[in-house]
């Protein structure tokens, strides 16, 4: 059961990691002007930056939680 919790945290951290990476790339692309016009129409570039920051913090928190749980098992 502990291994499945660890795998779940790893998968969730991976998803949030992809999310913040895509958000930051989308923000930079629209800020520089080479971004997709669809991204600019759907989301404000500043909201992409905020979303990226929130997902980065979530990824960081999930990673620390996984480390705490694995150090508690030893």
PDB file of N, CA and C in Angstrom:
ATOM      1  N   UNK A   1       0.822  -1.191   0.000  1.00  0.00           N
ATOM      2  CA  UNK A   1       0.000   0.000   0.000  1.00  0.00           C
ATOM      3  C   UNK A   1       0.866   1.255   0.000  1.00  0.00           C
ATOM      4  N   UNK A   2       1.979   1.234   0.686  1.00  0.00           N
ATOM      5  CA  UNK A   2       2.865   2.392   0.720  1.00  0.00           C
ATOM      6  C   UNK A   2       3.480   2.639  -0.653  1.00  0.00           C
ATOM      7  N   UNK A   3       3.820   1.571  -1.360  1.00  0.00           N
ATOM      8  CA  UNK A   3       4.392   1.729  -2.690  1.00  0.00           C
ATOM      9  C   UNK A   3       3.390   2.357  -3.644  1.00  0.00           C
ATOM     10  N   UNK A   4       2.122   2.024  -3.524  1.00  0.00           N
ATOM     11  CA  UNK A   4       1.118   2.615  -4.411  1.00  0.00           C
ATOM     12  C   UNK A   4       0.918   4.091  -4.087  1.00  0.00           C
ATOM     13  N   UNK A   5       1.028   4.474  -2.809  1.00  0.00           N
ATOM     14  CA  UNK A   5       0.952   5.889  -2.453  1.00  0.00           C
ATOM     15  C   UNK A   5       2.114   6.659  -3.062  1.00  0.00           C
ATOM     16  N   UNK A   6       3.299   6.075  -3.001  1.00  0.00           N
ATOM     17  CA  UNK A   6       4.487   6.705  -3.557  1.00  0.00           C
ATOM     18  C   UNK A   6       4.353   6.841  -5.069  1.00  0.00           C
ATOM     19  N   UNK A   7       3.833   5.789  -5.724  1.00  0.00           N
ATOM     20  CA  UNK A   7       3.638   5.853  -7.165  1.00  0.00           C
ATOM     21  C   UNK A   7       2.605   6.911  -7.525  1.00  0.00           C
ATOM     22  N   UNK A   8       1.560   7.012  -6.732  1.00  0.00           N
ATOM     23  CA  UNK A   8       0.537   8.028  -6.980  1.00  0.00           C
ATOM     24  C   UNK A   8       1.095   9.434  -6.838  1.00  0.00           C
ATOM     25  N   UNK A   9       1.924   9.652  -5.816  1.00  0.00           N
ATOM     26  CA  UNK A   9       2.551  10.964  -5.651  1.00  0.00           C
ATOM     27  C   UNK A   9       3.495  11.269  -6.804  1.00  0.00           C
ATOM     28  N   UNK A  10       4.234  10.261  -7.250  1.00  0.00           N
ATOM     29  CA  UNK A  10       5.136  10.460  -8.382  1.00  0.00           C
ATOM     30  C   UNK A  10       4.365  10.814  -9.648  1.00  0.00           C
ATOM     31  N   UNK A  11       3.256  10.136  -9.873  1.00  0.00           N
ATOM     32  CA  UNK A  11       2.453  10.415 -11.066  1.00  0.00           C
ATOM     33  C   UNK A  11       1.833  11.803 -10.997  1.00  0.00           C
ATOM     34  N   UNK A  12       1.327  12.183  -9.842  1.00  0.00           N
ATOM     35  CA  UNK A  12       0.736  13.505  -9.687  1.00  0.00           C
ATOM     36  C   UNK A  12       1.790  14.599  -9.844  1.00  0.00           C
ATOM     37  N   UNK A  13       2.973  14.370  -9.291  1.00  0.00           N
ATOM     38  CA  UNK A  13       4.058  15.339  -9.450  1.00  0.00           C
ATOM     39  C   UNK A  13       4.484  15.429 -10.912  1.00  0.00           C
ATOM     40  N   UNK A  14       4.460  14.317 -11.627  1.00  0.00           N
ATOM     41  CA  UNK A  14       4.798  14.339 -13.044  1.00  0.00           C
ATOM     42  C   UNK A  14       3.796  15.139 -13.857  1.00  0.00           C
ATOM     43  N   UNK A  15       2.522  14.983 -13.529  1.00  0.00           N
ATOM     44  CA  UNK A  15       1.480  15.731 -14.243  1.00  0.00           C
ATOM     45  C   UNK A  15       1.599  17.226 -13.963  1.00  0.00           C
ATOM     46  N   UNK A  16       1.804  17.584 -12.690  1.00  0.00           N
ATOM     47  CA  UNK A  16       1.953  19.003 -12.371  1.00  0.00           C
ATOM     48  C   UNK A  16       3.240  19.563 -12.970  1.00  0.00           C
ATOM     49  N   UNK A  17       4.280  18.723 -13.061  1.00  0.00           N
ATOM     50  CA  UNK A  17       5.523  19.160 -13.695  1.00  0.00           C
ATOM     51  C   UNK A  17       5.332  19.469 -15.167  1.00  0.00           C
ATOM     52  N   UNK A  18       4.606  18.617 -15.851  1.00  0.00           N
ATOM     53  CA  UNK A  18       4.296  18.896 -17.257  1.00  0.00           C
ATOM     54  C   UNK A  18       3.432  20.146 -17.383  1.00  0.00           C
ATOM     55  N   UNK A  19       2.513  20.318 -16.444  1.00  0.00           N
ATOM     56  CA  UNK A  19       1.629  21.478 -16.478  1.00  0.00           C
ATOM     57  C   UNK A  19       2.368  22.792 -16.325  1.00  0.00           C
ATOM     58  N   UNK A  20       3.267  22.861 -15.341  1.00  0.00           N
ATOM     59  CA  UNK A  20       3.968  24.134 -15.169  1.00  0.00           C
ATOM     60  C   UNK A  20       4.944  24.385 -16.304  1.00  0.00           C
ATOM     61  N   UNK A  21       5.532  23.333 -16.854  1.00  0.00           N
ATOM     62  CA  UNK A  21       6.433  23.516 -17.986  1.00  0.00           C
ATOM     63  C   UNK A  21       5.671  24.059 -19.194  1.00  0.00           C
ATOM     64  N   UNK A  22       4.521  23.474 -19.487  1.00  0.00           N
ATOM     65  CA  UNK A  22       3.720  23.935 -20.624  1.00  0.00           C
ATOM     66  C   UNK A  22       3.210  25.355 -20.402  1.00  0.00           C
ATOM     67  N   UNK A  23       2.831  25.679 -19.170  1.00  0.00           N
ATOM     68  CA  UNK A  23       2.336  27.024 -18.875  1.00  0.00           C
ATOM     69  C   UNK A  23       3.428  28.071 -19.055  1.00  0.00           C
ATOM     70  N   UNK A  24       4.611  27.775 -18.563  1.00  0.00           N
ATOM     71  CA  UNK A  24       5.711  28.738 -18.693  1.00  0.00           C
ATOM     72  C   UNK A  24       6.117  28.898 -20.154  1.00  0.00           C
ATOM     73  N   UNK A  25       6.163  27.806 -20.895  1.00  0.00           N
ATOM     74  CA  UNK A  25       6.500  27.897 -22.322  1.00  0.00           C
ATOM     75  C   UNK A  25       5.419  28.686 -23.059  1.00  0.00           C
ATOM     76  N   UNK A  26       4.154  28.445 -22.723  1.00  0.00           N
ATOM     77  CA  UNK A  26       3.073  29.217 -23.337  1.00  0.00           C
ATOM     78  C   UNK A  26       3.164  30.689 -23.013  1.00  0.00           C
ATOM     79  N   UNK A  27       3.479  30.992 -21.766  1.00  0.00           N
ATOM     80  CA  UNK A  27       3.633  32.395 -21.368  1.00  0.00           C
ATOM     81  C   UNK A  27       4.780  33.057 -22.124  1.00  0.00           C
ATOM     82  N   UNK A  28       5.932  32.392 -22.137  1.00  0.00           N
ATOM     83  CA  UNK A  28       7.078  32.981 -22.818  1.00  0.00           C
ATOM     84  C   UNK A  28       6.820  33.152 -24.311  1.00  0.00           C
ATOM     85  N   UNK A  29       6.156  32.177 -24.901  1.00  0.00           N
ATOM     86  CA  UNK A  29       5.845  32.279 -26.322  1.00  0.00           C
ATOM     87  C   UNK A  29       4.928  33.441 -26.638  1.00  0.00           C
ATOM     88  N   UNK A  30       3.902  33.643 -25.817  1.00  0.00           N
ATOM     89  CA  UNK A  30       2.998  34.763 -26.073  1.00  0.00           C
ATOM     90  C   UNK A  30       3.626  36.090 -25.676  1.00  0.00           C
ATOM     91  N   UNK A  31       4.461  36.105 -24.660  1.00  0.00           N
ATOM     92  CA  UNK A  31       5.106  37.354 -24.242  1.00  0.00           C
ATOM     93  C   UNK A  31       6.109  37.833 -25.293  1.00  0.00           C
ATOM     94  N   UNK A  32       6.824  36.891 -25.896  1.00  0.00           N
ATOM     95  CA  UNK A  32       7.801  37.256 -26.919  1.00  0.00           C
ATOM     96  C   UNK A  32       7.110  37.571 -28.240  1.00  0.00           C
ATOM     97  N   UNK A  33       5.962  36.958 -28.455  1.00  0.00           N
ATOM     98  CA  UNK A  33       5.219  37.223 -29.677  1.00  0.00           C
ATOM     99  C   UNK A  33       5.297  36.103 -30.689  1.00  0.00           C
ATOM    100  N   UNK A  34       5.939  35.008 -30.324  1.00  0.00           N
ATOM    101  CA  UNK A  34       6.033  33.895 -31.260  1.00  0.00           C
ATOM    102  C   UNK A  34       5.063  32.783 -30.896  1.00  0.00           C
ATOM    103  N   UNK A  35       4.216  33.050 -29.915  1.00  0.00           N
ATOM    104  CA  UNK A  35       3.292  32.033 -29.441  1.00  0.00           C
ATOM    105  C   UNK A  35       2.130  31.814 -30.388  1.00  0.00           C
ATOM    106  N   UNK A  36       1.432  30.762 -30.132  1.00  0.00           N
ATOM    107  CA  UNK A  36       0.264  30.407 -30.903  1.00  0.00           C
ATOM    108  C   UNK A  36      -0.847  31.414 -30.623  1.00  0.00           C
ATOM    109  N   UNK A  37      -1.534  31.882 -31.643  1.00  0.00           N
ATOM    110  CA  UNK A  37      -2.613  32.841 -31.426  1.00  0.00           C
ATOM    111  C   UNK A  37      -3.773  32.208 -30.682  1.00  0.00           C
ATOM    112  N   UNK A  38      -3.936  30.906 -30.796  1.00  0.00           N
ATOM    113  CA  UNK A  38      -4.989  30.219 -30.048  1.00  0.00           C
ATOM    114  C   UNK A  38      -4.748  30.334 -28.549  1.00  0.00           C
ATOM    115  N   UNK A  39      -3.492  30.187 -28.127  1.00  0.00           N
ATOM    116  CA  UNK A  39      -3.165  30.314 -26.706  1.00  0.00           C
ATOM    117  C   UNK A  39      -3.466  31.727 -26.235  1.00  0.00           C
ATOM    118  N   UNK A  40      -3.149  32.714 -27.044  1.00  0.00           N
ATOM    119  CA  UNK A  40      -3.401  34.100 -26.663  1.00  0.00           C
ATOM    120  C   UNK A  40      -4.895  34.388 -26.568  1.00  0.00           C
ATOM    121  N   UNK A  41      -5.703  33.720 -27.384  1.00  0.00           N
ATOM    122  CA  UNK A  41      -7.141  33.947 -27.345  1.00  0.00           C
ATOM    123  C   UNK A  41      -7.794  33.237 -26.160  1.00  0.00           C
ATOM    124  N   UNK A  42      -7.314  32.050 -25.839  1.00  0.00           N
ATOM    125  CA  UNK A  42      -7.934  31.252 -24.784  1.00  0.00           C
ATOM    126  C   UNK A  42      -7.558  31.770 -23.408  1.00  0.00           C
ATOM    127  N   UNK A  43      -6.302  32.086 -23.206  1.00  0.00           N
ATOM    128  CA  UNK A  43      -5.833  32.488 -21.879  1.00  0.00           C
ATOM    129  C   UNK A  43      -4.971  33.739 -21.975  1.00  0.00           C
ATOM    130  N   UNK A  44      -5.140  34.577 -21.003  1.00  0.00           N
ATOM    131  CA  UNK A  44      -4.288  35.752 -20.884  1.00  0.00           C
ATOM    132  C   UNK A  44      -2.877  35.287 -20.533  1.00  0.00           C
ATOM    133  N   UNK A  45      -1.849  35.838 -21.168  1.00  0.00           N
ATOM    134  CA  UNK A  45      -0.486  35.380 -20.851  1.00  0.00           C
ATOM    135  C   UNK A  45      -0.132  35.477 -19.366  1.00  0.00           C
ATOM    136  N   UNK A  46      -0.657  36.469 -18.691  1.00  0.00           N
ATOM    137  CA  UNK A  46      -0.363  36.606 -17.268  1.00  0.00           C
ATOM    138  C   UNK A  46      -0.990  35.462 -16.470  1.00  0.00           C
ATOM    139  N   UNK A  47      -2.152  34.991 -16.878  1.00  0.00           N
ATOM    140  CA  UNK A  47      -2.765  33.868 -16.175  1.00  0.00           C
ATOM    141  C   UNK A  47      -1.968  32.584 -16.397  1.00  0.00           C
ATOM    142  N   UNK A  48      -1.325  32.454 -17.559  1.00  0.00           N
ATOM    143  CA  UNK A  48      -0.449  31.308 -17.787  1.00  0.00           C
ATOM    144  C   UNK A  48       0.740  31.332 -16.832  1.00  0.00           C
ATOM    145  N   UNK A  49       1.249  32.532 -16.584  1.00  0.00           N
ATOM    146  CA  UNK A  49       2.366  32.669 -15.648  1.00  0.00           C
ATOM    147  C   UNK A  49       1.933  32.292 -14.231  1.00  0.00           C
ATOM    148  N   UNK A  50       0.761  32.756 -13.815  1.00  0.00           N
ATOM    149  CA  UNK A  50       0.247  32.407 -12.487  1.00  0.00           C
ATOM    150  C   UNK A  50      -0.003  30.910 -12.367  1.00  0.00           C
ATOM    151  N   UNK A  51      -0.584  30.324 -13.397  1.00  0.00           N
ATOM    152  CA  UNK A  51      -0.844  28.888 -13.391  1.00  0.00           C
ATOM    153  C   UNK A  51       0.459  28.108 -13.298  1.00  0.00           C
ATOM    154  N   UNK A  52       1.463  28.549 -14.040  1.00  0.00           N
ATOM    155  CA  UNK A  52       2.766  27.894 -13.984  1.00  0.00           C
ATOM    156  C   UNK A  52       3.384  27.973 -12.600  1.00  0.00           C
ATOM    157  N   UNK A  53       3.248  29.122 -11.950  1.00  0.00           N
ATOM    158  CA  UNK A  53       3.807  29.281 -10.598  1.00  0.00           C
ATOM    159  C   UNK A  53       3.084  28.388  -9.597  1.00  0.00           C
ATOM    160  N   UNK A  54       1.769  28.291  -9.704  1.00  0.00           N
ATOM    161  CA  UNK A  54       0.996  27.447  -8.786  1.00  0.00           C
ATOM    162  C   UNK A  54       1.344  25.976  -9.001  1.00  0.00           C
ATOM    163  N   UNK A  55       1.437  25.551 -10.255  1.00  0.00           N
ATOM    164  CA  UNK A  55       1.770  24.158 -10.536  1.00  0.00           C
ATOM    165  C   UNK A  55       3.202  23.829 -10.136  1.00  0.00           C
ATOM    166  N   UNK A  56       4.110  24.800 -10.259  1.00  0.00           N
ATOM    167  CA  UNK A  56       5.483  24.583  -9.816  1.00  0.00           C
ATOM    168  C   UNK A  56       5.526  24.385  -8.302  1.00  0.00           C
ATOM    169  N   UNK A  57       4.778  25.215  -7.588  1.00  0.00           N
ATOM    170  CA  UNK A  57       4.731  25.076  -6.127  1.00  0.00           C
ATOM    171  C   UNK A  57       4.111  23.733  -5.733  1.00  0.00           C
ATOM    172  N   UNK A  58       3.091  23.302  -6.468  1.00  0.00           N
ATOM    173  CA  UNK A  58       2.474  22.002  -6.188  1.00  0.00           C
ATOM    174  C   UNK A  58       3.457  20.871  -6.446  1.00  0.00           C
ATOM    175  N   UNK A  59       4.206  20.960  -7.531  1.00  0.00           N
ATOM    176  CA  UNK A  59       5.205  19.934  -7.838  1.00  0.00           C
ATOM    177  C   UNK A  59       6.269  19.874  -6.750  1.00  0.00           C
ATOM    178  N   UNK A  60       6.725  21.029  -6.330  1.00  0.00           N
ATOM    179  CA  UNK A  60       7.738  21.104  -5.281  1.00  0.00           C
ATOM    180  C   UNK A  60       7.205  20.521  -3.973  1.00  0.00           C
ATOM    181  N   UNK A  61       5.963  20.864  -3.631  1.00  0.00           N
ATOM    182  CA  UNK A  61       5.359  20.344  -2.409  1.00  0.00           C
ATOM    183  C   UNK A  61       5.158  18.836  -2.454  1.00  0.00           C
ATOM    184  N   UNK A  62       4.728  18.316  -3.593  1.00  0.00           N
ATOM    185  CA  UNK A  62       4.552  16.870  -3.727  1.00  0.00           C
ATOM    186  C   UNK A  62       5.882  16.139  -3.629  1.00  0.00           C
ATOM    187  N   UNK A  63       6.917  16.721  -4.173  1.00  0.00           N
ATOM    188  CA  UNK A  63       8.241  16.115  -4.091  1.00  0.00           C
ATOM    189  C   UNK A  63       8.732  16.076  -2.645  1.00  0.00           C
ATOM    190  N   UNK A  64       8.519  17.149  -1.915  1.00  0.00           N
ATOM    191  CA  UNK A  64       8.919  17.168  -0.498  1.00  0.00           C
ATOM    192  C   UNK A  64       8.098  16.192   0.324  1.00  0.00           C
ATOM    193  N   UNK A  65       6.807  16.079   0.011  1.00  0.00           N
ATOM    194  CA  UNK A  65       5.952  15.128   0.711  1.00  0.00           C
ATOM    195  C   UNK A  65       6.416  13.699   0.455  1.00  0.00           C
ATOM    196  N   UNK A  66       6.778  13.398  -0.763  1.00  0.00           N
ATOM    197  CA  UNK A  66       7.278  12.063  -1.094  1.00  0.00           C
ATOM    198  C   UNK A  66       8.576  11.784  -0.357  1.00  0.00           C
ATOM    199  N   UNK A  67       9.458  12.783  -0.296  1.00  0.00           N
ATOM    200  CA  UNK A  67      10.726  12.607   0.420  1.00  0.00           C
ATOM    201  C   UNK A  67      10.494  12.381   1.919  1.00  0.00           C
ATOM    202  N   UNK A  68       9.557  13.124   2.505  1.00  0.00           N
ATOM    203  CA  UNK A  68       9.258  12.949   3.933  1.00  0.00           C
ATOM    204  C   UNK A  68       8.696  11.566   4.216  1.00  0.00           C
ATOM    205  N   UNK A  69       7.818  11.102   3.335  1.00  0.00           N
ATOM    206  CA  UNK A  69       7.237   9.779   3.532  1.00  0.00           C
ATOM    207  C   UNK A  69       8.285   8.688   3.367  1.00  0.00           C
ATOM    208  N   UNK A  70       9.192   8.857   2.401  1.00  0.00           N
ATOM    209  CA  UNK A  70      10.208   7.813   2.198  1.00  0.00           C
ATOM    210  C   UNK A  70      11.241   7.836   3.308  1.00  0.00           C
ATOM    211  N   UNK A  71      11.549   8.999   3.876  1.00  0.00           N
ATOM    212  CA  UNK A  71      12.505   9.040   4.991  1.00  0.00           C
ATOM    213  C   UNK A  71      11.860   8.522   6.275  1.00  0.00           C
ATOM    214  N   UNK A  72      10.547   8.626   6.390  1.00  0.00           N
ATOM    215  CA  UNK A  72       9.841   8.110   7.556  1.00  0.00           C
ATOM    216  C   UNK A  72       9.760   6.590   7.560  1.00  0.00           C
ATOM    217  N   UNK A  73       9.900   5.980   6.393  1.00  0.00           N
ATOM    218  CA  UNK A  73       9.833   4.519   6.305  1.00  0.00           C
ATOM    219  C   UNK A  73      11.126   3.870   6.736  1.00  0.00           C
ATOM    220  N   UNK A  74      12.212   4.580   6.666  1.00  0.00           N
ATOM    221  CA  UNK A  74      13.518   3.996   6.983  1.00  0.00           C
ATOM    222  C   UNK A  74      13.729   3.819   8.442  1.00  0.00           C
TER     223      UNK A  74
END
